[in-house]
Amino acid sequence: MKVYYYDLKEKIDLKDPICACIGYFDGLHIGHQALITKTKELAKKYNSESTLITFYPDPKDIITKKRHHHIQAFSDRLKIAEKMGIDNCIVFAFDEEFSHLDEDVFFEKVLCSLPLKALVCGFDFHYAYKGMGNALKLKQKAADRFEVVIVDEVCYMGEKISSTAVRLALEKGDVKLANTLLGYTYFNKGEVVHGLKNGHRLGFPTANLKIDSEILCPKHGVYIGYAKVGAKIYKAMINIGNNPTIADNNGVTYEVNILDFDRCIYGENIIVYLCERIRDDRRFSSMEELREQLKKDQKQAMSQDDRDDFIL
């Protein structure tokens, strides 16, 4: 997948026709995937390349002047889009000037600067200053320039699938629901760094991950899932929290006990997939009680089926 970065001062030099979907796409969940599917269909119809149009940094960060947590890193979002069959990604630098574009300027300077044959957006898409532009107005405005296709909401259990719904599920520790809404297994990536080595002393050595501060932290607790080290997948149990029995108030840690694994991986980047939250991160009365609980957790992690169907 080719990735193009532009700001408002740059001339866009794309020549080949494209069919694109537009949005921020945090999570690239099932609702977003409906836009991608339609974009790929239109690309075949118009004999053009499928393209994802997005923005960086998060427009909400600029507009609200607050930093928001995200489901995954922006770079991983691009990799997922590529896995989903998108040919190109156009990233517009979003800043104060961009946030104040009125809808006519946004339409002419941003959208009409692209060789668009068709543009796909969600039914609730808004653009330009204070969201003045919406999907229906865009369709009318573009009538003699390019086709606009509006995709209806995608629901699960009667509720709209959205990035907000995914984030709420993760904050509640309901990774099963989050994975259903995403259409793939939620993951975190991070560098393995040195920790307090309490896991080693307990007989359950862990890889301590340094997670990007941009990424949303799921509800504290113990999870079962998988870890990808290099190209190989291992079953794993994951503790996210403060380790109240042995390291309370030491800050949040992200520790991964990789099963059937015995190799030094300090400095390496690994991917951890969360499949189920099995218990709270709680204080035990003794190290021995904690050790016995970890044996039960590990047994539950081992009982998972072997898998290799992860999106990254």
Protein backbone atom coordinates (compact mmCIF):
# COMPACT_ATOMS: atom_id res chain seq x y z
CA MET A 1 0.00 0.00 0.00
CA LYS A 2 1.28 3.46 -0.91
CA VAL A 3 0.91 6.18 1.71
CA TYR A 4 0.81 9.87 0.74
CA TYR A 5 1.13 12.70 3.27
CA TYR A 6 -0.15 16.19 2.46
CA ASP A 7 -0.85 19.48 4.17
CA LEU A 8 -2.90 22.41 2.90
CA LYS A 9 0.13 24.14 1.41
CA GLU A 10 1.19 21.23 -0.77
CA LYS A 11 -0.01 20.59 -4.28
CA ILE A 12 -1.49 17.14 -4.60
CA ASP A 13 0.15 15.41 -7.52
CA LEU A 14 -1.92 12.23 -7.77
CA LYS A 15 -2.85 11.50 -11.38
CA ASP A 16 -4.41 8.03 -11.43
CA PRO A 17 -8.14 7.89 -10.63
CA ILE A 18 -9.16 6.71 -7.17
CA CYS A 19 -12.24 5.60 -5.30
CA ALA A 20 -11.91 6.47 -1.63
CA CYS A 21 -13.52 6.25 1.78
CA ILE A 22 -13.00 9.08 4.26
CA GLY A 23 -12.77 9.25 8.06
CA TYR A 24 -10.44 8.93 11.04
CA PHE A 25 -11.05 5.15 11.30
CA ASP A 26 -9.88 4.51 14.86
CA GLY A 27 -10.02 0.73 15.25
CA LEU A 28 -11.04 0.00 11.66
CA HIS A 29 -13.99 -1.88 13.14
CA ILE A 30 -16.82 -3.66 11.29
CA GLY A 31 -18.60 -0.36 10.57
CA HIS A 32 -15.46 1.01 8.92
CA GLN A 33 -15.00 -2.25 7.07
CA ALA A 34 -18.38 -1.72 5.39
CA LEU A 35 -16.96 1.51 3.92
CA ILE A 36 -13.82 -0.30 2.79
CA THR A 37 -15.84 -3.07 1.13
CA LYS A 38 -17.93 -0.53 -0.80
CA THR A 39 -14.77 1.40 -1.78
CA LYS A 40 -13.19 -1.72 -3.24
CA GLU A 41 -16.39 -2.48 -5.17
CA LEU A 42 -16.41 1.02 -6.67
CA ALA A 43 -12.70 0.80 -7.50
CA LYS A 44 -13.46 -2.23 -9.68
CA LYS A 45 -16.43 -0.45 -11.26
CA TYR A 46 -14.32 2.60 -12.16
CA ASN A 47 -11.12 0.67 -12.90
CA SER A 48 -9.31 2.75 -10.29
CA GLU A 49 -7.35 2.26 -7.08
CA SER A 50 -9.03 1.88 -3.69
CA THR A 51 -7.94 4.59 -1.27
CA LEU A 52 -8.44 5.50 2.37
CA ILE A 53 -8.47 9.25 3.15
CA THR A 54 -7.69 10.04 6.77
CA PHE A 55 -6.16 12.67 9.05
CA TYR A 56 -3.30 12.96 11.52
CA PRO A 57 -3.23 13.86 14.32
CA ASP A 58 -6.71 13.05 15.54
CA PRO A 59 -8.97 16.02 14.64
CA LYS A 60 -10.54 15.74 18.12
CA ASP A 61 -7.14 16.44 19.68
CA ILE A 62 -6.81 19.68 17.72
CA ILE A 63 -10.40 20.85 18.09
CA THR A 64 -10.72 20.12 21.83
CA LYS A 65 -7.05 20.79 22.65
CA LYS A 66 -7.05 17.55 24.63
CA ARG A 67 -5.20 14.34 23.95
CA HIS A 68 -7.43 11.31 23.36
CA HIS A 69 -6.55 7.65 23.71
CA HIS A 70 -6.96 5.41 20.70
CA ILE A 71 -7.73 1.78 20.00
CA GLN A 72 -4.47 1.30 18.15
CA ALA A 73 -1.48 3.31 16.99
CA PHE A 74 -1.90 5.23 13.74
CA SER A 75 0.86 3.18 12.07
CA ASP A 76 -0.98 -0.04 12.93
CA ARG A 77 -4.18 1.38 11.48
CA LEU A 78 -2.41 1.80 8.15
CA LYS A 79 -1.15 -1.79 8.29
CA ILE A 80 -4.68 -3.06 8.97
CA ALA A 81 -6.04 -1.04 6.03
CA GLU A 82 -3.44 -2.68 3.82
CA LYS A 83 -4.43 -6.13 5.13
CA MET A 84 -8.02 -5.28 4.21
CA GLY A 85 -7.02 -4.73 0.59
CA ILE A 86 -6.73 -0.94 0.34
CA ASP A 87 -4.29 0.19 -2.40
CA ASN A 88 -3.45 3.70 -1.14
CA CYS A 89 -3.79 5.86 1.93
CA ILE A 90 -3.87 9.66 1.80
CA VAL A 91 -3.09 11.31 5.14
CA PHE A 92 -3.87 15.00 5.56
CA ALA A 93 -2.03 16.87 8.31
CA PHE A 94 -4.80 18.18 10.57
CA ASP A 95 -4.01 21.47 12.32
CA GLU A 96 -5.76 24.65 13.46
CA GLU A 97 -5.96 25.99 9.91
CA PHE A 98 -7.49 22.73 8.69
CA SER A 99 -10.03 22.74 11.51
CA HIS A 100 -11.32 26.17 10.42
CA LEU A 101 -11.93 25.36 6.76
CA ASP A 102 -15.52 26.08 5.77
CA GLU A 103 -17.37 23.40 3.86
CA ASP A 104 -16.91 24.97 0.42
CA VAL A 105 -13.16 25.38 0.89
CA PHE A 106 -12.88 21.83 2.26
CA PHE A 107 -14.76 20.52 -0.75
CA GLU A 108 -12.72 22.44 -3.34
CA LYS A 109 -9.28 22.49 -1.74
CA VAL A 110 -9.23 19.00 -0.21
CA LEU A 111 -11.64 16.72 -2.04
CA CYS A 112 -11.60 18.26 -5.52
CA SER A 113 -7.80 18.33 -5.48
CA LEU A 114 -7.92 14.53 -5.65
CA PRO A 115 -8.61 12.49 -8.80
CA LEU A 116 -11.80 11.11 -7.27
CA LYS A 117 -14.21 8.92 -9.19
CA ALA A 118 -16.22 8.06 -6.09
CA LEU A 119 -16.15 8.87 -2.38
CA VAL A 120 -17.62 6.63 0.31
CA CYS A 121 -18.62 8.00 3.72
CA GLY A 122 -20.71 6.95 6.68
CA PHE A 123 -24.25 8.24 7.21
CA ASP A 124 -22.99 10.31 10.16
CA PHE A 125 -19.93 11.79 8.42
CA HIS A 126 -19.33 15.48 9.16
CA TYR A 127 -16.59 17.74 7.88
CA ALA A 128 -15.33 21.34 7.84
CA TYR A 129 -15.54 23.95 10.60
CA LYS A 130 -17.73 22.81 13.51
CA GLY A 131 -18.93 19.89 11.37
CA MET A 132 -21.02 22.17 9.16
CA GLY A 133 -20.79 19.74 6.26
CA ASN A 134 -22.55 16.39 6.35
CA ALA A 135 -22.94 13.36 4.11
CA LEU A 136 -26.14 14.50 2.37
CA LYS A 137 -24.81 18.00 1.64
CA LEU A 138 -21.61 16.46 0.30
CA LYS A 139 -23.58 14.20 -2.03
CA GLN A 140 -25.48 17.17 -3.42
CA LYS A 141 -22.37 19.32 -3.78
CA ALA A 142 -20.44 16.59 -5.60
CA ALA A 143 -23.25 15.65 -8.02
CA ASP A 144 -21.40 16.77 -11.17
CA ARG A 145 -17.87 16.10 -9.88
CA PHE A 146 -17.72 12.56 -8.47
CA GLU A 147 -20.07 9.94 -7.08
CA VAL A 148 -20.77 9.98 -3.35
CA VAL A 149 -21.97 6.77 -1.70
CA ILE A 150 -23.38 6.99 1.83
CA VAL A 151 -23.15 3.77 3.88
CA ASP A 152 -25.84 3.16 6.49
CA GLU A 153 -25.01 2.37 10.10
CA VAL A 154 -23.85 -1.14 10.97
CA CYS A 155 -25.34 -2.46 14.20
CA TYR A 156 -24.69 -5.20 16.73
CA MET A 157 -27.45 -6.18 19.18
CA GLY A 158 -29.41 -3.13 18.08
CA GLU A 159 -26.59 -0.66 18.79
CA LYS A 160 -24.43 1.19 16.26
CA ILE A 161 -20.90 -0.16 15.93
CA SER A 162 -18.53 2.72 16.55
CA SER A 163 -15.03 3.47 17.80
CA THR A 164 -16.64 4.82 20.97
CA ALA A 165 -18.46 1.51 21.54
CA VAL A 166 -15.19 -0.41 21.12
CA ARG A 167 -13.37 1.88 23.56
CA LEU A 168 -16.17 1.55 26.14
CA ALA A 169 -16.02 -2.25 25.87
CA LEU A 170 -12.25 -2.19 26.46
CA GLU A 171 -12.62 0.17 29.42
CA LYS A 172 -15.06 -2.33 30.93
CA GLY A 173 -12.69 -5.23 30.22
CA ASP A 174 -15.16 -6.82 27.83
CA VAL A 175 -12.65 -7.79 25.16
CA LYS A 176 -14.99 -10.44 23.78
CA LEU A 177 -17.44 -7.69 22.84
CA ALA A 178 -14.62 -5.44 21.60
CA ASN A 179 -13.35 -8.25 19.36
CA THR A 180 -16.85 -8.82 17.98
CA LEU A 181 -17.22 -5.13 17.11
CA LEU A 182 -13.72 -4.95 15.62
CA GLY A 183 -14.11 -8.08 13.53
CA TYR A 184 -10.63 -9.15 14.60
CA THR A 185 -8.78 -9.78 17.87
CA TYR A 186 -7.80 -6.64 19.77
CA PHE A 187 -4.06 -6.29 20.17
CA ASN A 188 -1.35 -4.17 21.74
CA LYS A 189 2.24 -3.81 20.55
CA GLY A 190 5.21 -2.84 22.62
CA GLU A 191 8.89 -3.15 23.35
CA VAL A 192 9.95 -5.68 25.98
CA VAL A 193 11.68 -3.76 28.78
CA HIS A 194 13.21 -4.68 32.13
CA GLY A 195 10.79 -4.91 35.04
CA LEU A 196 11.04 -5.84 38.73
CA LYS A 197 11.46 -9.56 37.87
CA ASN A 198 8.83 -10.58 40.44
CA GLY A 199 7.37 -12.97 37.88
CA HIS A 200 10.66 -14.84 37.70
CA ARG A 201 10.73 -15.19 41.49
CA LEU A 202 7.20 -16.58 41.43
CA GLY A 203 8.04 -19.07 38.69
CA PHE A 204 5.99 -17.19 36.08
CA PRO A 205 8.49 -15.05 34.11
CA THR A 206 6.89 -12.18 32.24
CA ALA A 207 7.74 -9.91 29.36
CA ASN A 208 7.10 -6.34 30.50
CA LEU A 209 5.77 -4.24 27.64
CA LYS A 210 6.28 -0.54 27.10
CA ILE A 211 2.99 0.54 25.52
CA ASP A 212 2.58 3.78 23.58
CA SER A 213 0.89 6.35 25.85
CA GLU A 214 -1.49 7.17 22.95
CA ILE A 215 -3.10 3.74 23.30
CA LEU A 216 -6.17 3.15 25.47
CA CYS A 217 -5.44 0.95 28.49
CA PRO A 218 -8.09 -1.77 28.91
CA LYS A 219 -9.61 -2.34 32.35
CA HIS A 220 -7.04 -3.63 34.81
CA GLY A 221 -7.11 -7.36 35.33
CA VAL A 222 -5.81 -10.70 34.11
CA TYR A 223 -6.48 -11.70 30.52
CA ILE A 224 -5.82 -14.76 28.43
CA GLY A 225 -4.76 -14.50 24.84
CA TYR A 226 -1.74 -14.90 22.61
CA ALA A 227 1.64 -13.32 22.01
CA LYS A 228 3.38 -13.00 18.66
CA VAL A 229 7.16 -13.06 18.92
CA GLY A 230 8.77 -12.74 15.52
CA ALA A 231 6.58 -14.83 13.23
CA LYS A 232 5.46 -17.34 15.87
CA ILE A 233 2.28 -17.31 17.98
CA TYR A 234 2.25 -18.49 21.61
CA LYS A 235 -0.54 -18.80 24.15
CA ALA A 236 -0.22 -16.25 26.92
CA MET A 237 -1.71 -14.79 30.07
CA ILE A 238 -1.53 -11.05 30.48
CA ASN A 239 -1.71 -8.90 33.60
CA ILE A 240 -2.61 -5.24 33.22
CA GLY A 241 -2.55 -3.29 36.46
CA ASN A 242 -0.60 -2.37 39.59
CA ASN A 243 0.38 -5.80 40.93
CA PRO A 244 -1.14 -4.94 44.33
CA THR A 245 0.27 -8.02 46.09
CA ILE A 246 3.92 -7.26 45.34
CA ALA A 247 4.25 -3.83 43.72
CA ASP A 248 1.30 -1.67 44.69
CA ASN A 249 1.49 2.01 43.67
CA ASN A 250 4.34 1.24 41.29
CA GLY A 251 2.39 2.44 38.27
CA VAL A 252 0.47 0.46 35.67
CA THR A 253 2.37 -2.47 34.17
CA TYR A 254 1.60 -4.65 31.16
CA GLU A 255 3.08 -8.08 31.86
CA VAL A 256 2.88 -11.06 29.54
CA ASN A 257 3.57 -14.62 30.62
CA ILE A 258 4.31 -16.38 27.32
CA LEU A 259 3.64 -20.09 27.62
CA ASP A 260 6.06 -22.75 26.36
CA PHE A 261 8.61 -20.03 25.73
CA ASP A 262 12.13 -19.57 27.10
CA ARG A 263 14.14 -16.91 25.31
CA CYS A 264 15.56 -13.50 26.20
CA ILE A 265 13.63 -10.89 24.19
CA TYR A 266 14.56 -7.63 25.88
CA GLY A 267 14.49 -4.82 23.34
CA GLU A 268 12.26 -6.74 20.92
CA ASN A 269 8.78 -5.62 19.90
CA ILE A 270 6.00 -8.14 20.33
CA ILE A 271 2.24 -8.17 19.69
CA VAL A 272 -0.18 -9.28 22.39
CA TYR A 273 -3.77 -10.29 21.59
CA LEU A 274 -6.44 -10.16 24.29
CA CYS A 275 -9.22 -12.75 24.07
CA GLU A 276 -10.88 -12.82 27.49
CA ARG A 277 -10.63 -11.08 30.86
CA ILE A 278 -10.67 -13.83 33.48
CA ARG A 279 -10.35 -11.95 36.78
CA ASP A 280 -9.57 -8.71 38.59
CA ASP A 281 -6.07 -7.55 39.45
CA ARG A 282 -6.38 -7.98 43.24
CA ARG A 283 -4.31 -8.21 46.37
CA PHE A 284 -3.57 -11.72 47.70
CA SER A 285 -2.83 -12.50 51.34
CA SER A 286 0.51 -14.16 50.53
CA MET A 287 2.90 -14.88 47.69
CA GLU A 288 1.92 -18.55 47.91
CA GLU A 289 -1.76 -17.71 47.40
CA LEU A 290 -0.80 -15.60 44.38
CA ARG A 291 1.33 -18.43 42.99
CA GLU A 292 -1.57 -20.89 43.27
CA GLN A 293 -3.90 -18.45 41.48
CA LEU A 294 -1.34 -17.96 38.70
CA LYS A 295 -1.27 -21.73 38.18
CA LYS A 296 -5.06 -21.65 37.64
CA ASP A 297 -4.74 -18.68 35.28
CA GLN A 298 -2.04 -20.44 33.30
CA LYS A 299 -4.15 -23.59 33.00
CA GLN A 300 -6.99 -21.50 31.58
CA ALA A 301 -4.62 -19.85 29.09
CA MET A 302 -3.30 -23.24 28.01
CA SER A 303 -6.83 -24.51 27.34
CA GLN A 304 -7.29 -22.06 24.43
CA ASP A 305 -7.38 -23.47 20.92
CA ASP A 306 -4.34 -22.98 18.71
CA ARG A 307 -4.84 -20.01 16.37
CA ASP A 308 -3.02 -18.14 13.63
CA ASP A 309 -5.83 -15.97 12.25
CA PHE A 310 -4.74 -12.63 13.68
CA ILE A 311 -4.93 -9.52 11.52
CA LEU A 312 -1.32 -8.44 12.24
